[in-house]
Protein backbone atom coordinates (compact mmCIF):
# COMPACT_ATOMS: atom_id res chain seq x y z
CA MET A 1 24.07 39.51 -24.12
CA PHE A 2 20.75 40.25 -22.40
CA ARG A 3 19.20 37.88 -24.79
CA SER A 4 21.67 35.32 -23.79
CA ILE A 5 20.91 35.81 -20.24
CA LEU A 6 17.48 35.68 -21.01
CA PHE A 7 17.66 32.53 -23.22
CA LEU A 8 19.99 30.77 -20.52
CA THR A 9 17.54 32.18 -17.51
CA PHE A 10 14.44 30.34 -19.50
CA ILE A 11 16.27 27.20 -20.37
CA SER A 12 17.24 26.44 -16.44
CA LEU A 13 13.97 26.97 -15.28
CA ALA A 14 12.51 24.83 -18.07
CA PHE A 15 14.85 22.64 -16.77
CA ALA A 16 14.46 22.74 -13.03
CA SER A 17 11.20 20.89 -13.21
CA GLU A 18 12.74 17.44 -15.41
CA LEU A 19 13.66 14.46 -13.23
CA VAL A 20 17.33 13.58 -13.55
CA VAL A 21 18.50 10.12 -13.50
CA GLU A 22 22.32 9.33 -13.40
CA ASN A 23 23.11 5.94 -13.66
CA VAL A 24 26.16 4.87 -11.17
CA VAL A 25 26.03 1.49 -11.38
CA THR A 26 24.87 -0.78 -13.82
CA ASN A 27 24.26 -4.47 -14.38
CA GLU A 28 23.52 -6.63 -17.50
CA CYS A 29 20.29 -8.68 -16.62
CA GLU A 30 17.37 -9.88 -18.67
CA VAL A 31 14.44 -8.73 -16.46
CA LYS A 32 14.78 -5.16 -15.73
CA SER A 33 12.16 -3.63 -13.46
CA LYS A 34 8.86 -2.30 -15.09
CA SER A 35 6.10 -0.63 -13.84
CA GLY A 36 3.68 -3.35 -11.09
CA ASP A 37 6.96 -5.17 -10.30
CA MET A 38 7.64 -5.43 -6.68
CA LEU A 39 11.11 -4.02 -6.00
CA SER A 40 13.88 -4.25 -2.69
CA MET A 41 15.97 -1.43 -2.61
CA HIS A 42 18.41 0.75 -0.63
CA TYR A 43 18.55 4.28 -0.81
CA THR A 44 19.71 7.81 1.04
CA GLY A 45 17.39 10.84 0.63
CA THR A 46 18.90 14.38 0.57
CA LEU A 47 17.60 17.92 0.17
CA GLU A 48 19.97 20.36 -2.08
CA ASP A 49 21.76 21.92 0.68
CA GLY A 50 22.90 18.04 1.85
CA THR A 51 20.49 17.72 5.05
CA LYS A 52 19.95 13.92 4.89
CA PHE A 53 16.76 13.20 5.49
CA ASP A 54 16.11 9.28 4.69
CA SER A 55 18.13 6.40 4.35
CA SER A 56 17.52 2.95 4.32
CA VAL A 57 20.74 2.15 4.48
CA ASP A 58 21.22 4.00 8.05
CA ARG A 59 18.35 1.71 9.30
CA GLY A 60 20.14 -1.48 7.28
CA ASP A 61 16.76 -2.03 6.51
CA PRO A 62 15.87 -1.93 2.54
CA PHE A 63 12.51 -0.75 1.67
CA SER A 64 9.89 -2.75 -0.87
CA PHE A 65 7.06 -1.28 -2.72
CA GLN A 66 5.35 -2.07 -6.31
CA LEU A 67 6.93 0.35 -8.52
CA GLY A 68 4.61 2.40 -10.93
CA VAL A 69 0.90 2.27 -8.54
CA GLY A 70 1.30 5.40 -6.71
CA GLN A 71 2.87 3.92 -3.63
CA VAL A 72 6.25 6.12 -3.85
CA ILE A 73 6.55 9.70 -5.01
CA ARG A 74 6.62 10.40 -8.70
CA GLY A 75 10.00 10.74 -9.25
CA TRP A 76 10.68 7.01 -8.14
CA ASP A 77 8.15 5.50 -10.07
CA GLU A 78 9.35 7.20 -13.18
CA GLY A 79 13.14 7.16 -12.56
CA LEU A 80 13.28 3.38 -10.77
CA VAL A 81 12.43 1.88 -14.51
CA ASP A 82 14.79 -0.34 -16.33
CA MET A 83 17.13 -1.40 -13.50
CA CYS A 84 18.78 -4.90 -13.00
CA PRO A 85 19.51 -5.69 -9.51
CA GLY A 86 22.85 -4.09 -8.03
CA ASP A 87 22.40 -1.53 -10.39
CA LYS A 88 22.90 2.18 -8.97
CA ARG A 89 21.70 5.82 -9.20
CA LYS A 90 21.28 9.14 -8.33
CA LEU A 91 17.84 10.73 -8.78
CA THR A 92 17.64 14.59 -8.73
CA ILE A 93 13.55 14.98 -8.06
CA PRO A 94 12.03 18.01 -8.67
CA ALA A 95 9.29 18.96 -5.69
CA ASP A 96 6.41 18.12 -8.99
CA LYS A 97 7.45 14.83 -8.86
CA ALA A 98 7.95 14.60 -5.19
CA TYR A 99 6.40 16.57 -2.31
CA GLY A 100 5.42 19.76 -4.10
CA ASP A 101 4.73 22.93 -2.65
CA ARG A 102 2.90 21.62 0.88
CA GLY A 103 6.54 19.57 1.57
CA ALA A 104 6.54 16.42 4.52
CA GLY A 105 6.29 17.33 7.65
CA ASP A 106 8.80 19.40 9.37
CA ILE A 107 11.46 17.53 7.17
CA ILE A 108 11.07 18.46 4.15
CA PRO A 109 10.23 22.11 2.89
CA PRO A 110 7.71 22.96 0.18
CA GLY A 111 8.97 23.35 -3.14
CA ALA A 112 11.77 20.99 -2.16
CA THR A 113 14.26 19.49 -4.93
CA LEU A 114 14.71 15.58 -3.61
CA LEU A 115 18.58 13.96 -4.12
CA PHE A 116 18.26 9.86 -3.86
CA ASP A 117 21.14 7.67 -4.19
CA VAL A 118 19.42 4.40 -4.69
CA GLU A 119 20.69 0.85 -5.17
CA LEU A 120 18.38 -2.08 -6.55
CA LEU A 121 18.43 -4.97 -4.32
CA GLU A 122 15.65 -7.66 -5.77
CA ILE A 123 13.03 -7.63 -8.63
CA GLY A 124 9.82 -9.65 -7.55
CA GLU A 125 6.65 -10.53 -8.74
CA ALA A 126 4.02 -8.00 -9.21
CA PRO A 127 1.10 -9.22 -6.22
CA PRO A 128 -2.66 -10.02 -7.65
CA GLN A 129 -3.90 -6.36 -7.60
CA VAL A 130 -6.97 -5.43 -5.40
CA ASN A 131 -9.61 -3.62 -6.51
CA VAL A 132 -9.28 -0.58 -3.63
CA PHE A 133 -11.79 1.70 -5.47
CA LYS A 134 -14.51 -0.96 -5.01
CA ALA A 135 -13.41 -2.07 -1.63
CA ILE A 136 -14.08 1.86 -0.61
CA ASP A 137 -17.27 2.30 -2.28
CA LYS A 138 -19.54 0.50 -0.05
CA ASP A 139 -22.72 1.69 -1.23
CA GLU A 140 -22.20 1.14 -5.00
CA ASP A 141 -22.54 4.25 -6.40
CA ASN A 142 -19.31 4.66 -8.23
CA LYS A 143 -18.09 7.54 -6.29
CA LEU A 144 -16.19 7.61 -2.58
CA SER A 145 -17.49 9.42 -0.36
CA LYS A 146 -15.37 11.02 2.48
CA GLU A 147 -17.30 9.05 5.17
CA GLU A 148 -16.84 5.68 3.22
CA VAL A 149 -12.82 7.07 2.52
CA LEU A 150 -12.82 7.36 6.46
CA THR A 151 -14.15 4.56 7.04
CA TYR A 152 -11.84 2.36 4.83
CA ILE A 153 -9.08 3.99 6.52
CA GLN A 154 -9.81 3.48 10.23
CA GLU A 155 -10.00 -0.25 9.15
CA GLN A 156 -6.53 -0.11 7.55
CA ILE A 157 -4.72 1.15 10.36
CA PRO A 158 -3.81 -0.56 13.62
CA ALA A 159 -4.98 0.65 16.96
CA GLU A 160 -1.19 1.00 17.72
CA GLU A 161 -0.53 3.51 15.00
CA MET A 162 -3.76 5.64 15.81
CA GLU A 163 -2.31 6.10 19.64
CA LYS A 164 0.93 7.27 17.84
CA GLY A 165 -0.88 10.34 16.49
CA GLN A 166 -2.17 8.56 12.97
CA ASP A 167 -5.52 10.89 12.55
CA PRO A 168 -7.77 9.44 9.66
CA ALA A 169 -9.81 12.26 9.28
CA LYS A 170 -6.21 14.12 8.49
CA ILE A 171 -5.59 11.75 6.38
CA THR A 172 -9.12 11.88 4.58
CA GLU A 173 -9.06 15.58 4.27
CA GLU A 174 -5.51 15.01 2.38
CA ILE A 175 -6.78 12.28 0.13
CA PHE A 176 -9.38 14.50 -0.75
CA HIS A 177 -7.48 17.24 -1.70
CA HIS A 178 -5.26 15.33 -4.12
CA GLU A 179 -8.25 13.12 -5.56
CA ASP A 180 -10.99 15.20 -5.90
CA LYS A 181 -10.38 16.97 -8.77
CA ASP A 182 -13.01 18.78 -9.57
CA ARG A 183 -13.88 19.73 -5.59
CA ASP A 184 -17.32 18.29 -5.72
CA GLY A 185 -16.74 16.52 -2.00
CA HIS A 186 -16.34 12.86 -3.81
CA ILE A 187 -13.77 10.72 -5.59
CA SER A 188 -15.13 9.69 -8.79
CA HIS A 189 -13.42 6.24 -10.71
CA GLU A 190 -11.69 8.57 -12.84
CA GLU A 191 -10.57 10.52 -10.37
CA PHE A 192 -9.19 7.72 -8.24
CA SER A 193 -5.56 6.86 -8.75
CA GLY A 194 -5.15 4.07 -6.42
CA PRO A 195 -5.54 0.48 -7.73
CA LYS A 196 -8.75 0.23 -9.62
CA HIS A 197 -10.00 -2.42 -12.03
CA ASP A 198 -11.64 -0.14 -15.24
CA GLU A 199 -14.28 -2.26 -16.13
CA LEU A 200 -16.21 -0.11 -13.93
């Protein structure tokens, strides 16, 4: 009996960090979503206790992004492939494929599993890829310093967003927390997860 309980506990822990994809509505189409595609979709996100934290449906404004390039949480990049326009899915995304141990602001607590109801509206072609690494690496030493990243962010954030409290220094620290894997104070080409060309 004890061995059975221990086994079930182990199994439930093993699957706790798995992305769960449930197809609610499926359609036939010739071209399904794949990494690199531009997707337009509606979604509603809730916590496990049912608390809604975001919804494009409520706003009446579909969300568009490029799939598979890190513009969204990993659970979306992995859970939204092979869909047709009109398809609906339920995604159960563990913390390690969402916002991890840090959470997201006051809305998503640390370690939270997220539930999403998603509907794919449209699949578009991928835009030409910009080599962001090269754009940031002004001194062309094949590594990014905090100063280079900060300068790039300041150039990208509109002045009105900075007035609303967007802090480029905090954003830079957050980027280095995630990207500087060896903690040497620089982000190497290998560490950089954003768009880059591999011929460097």
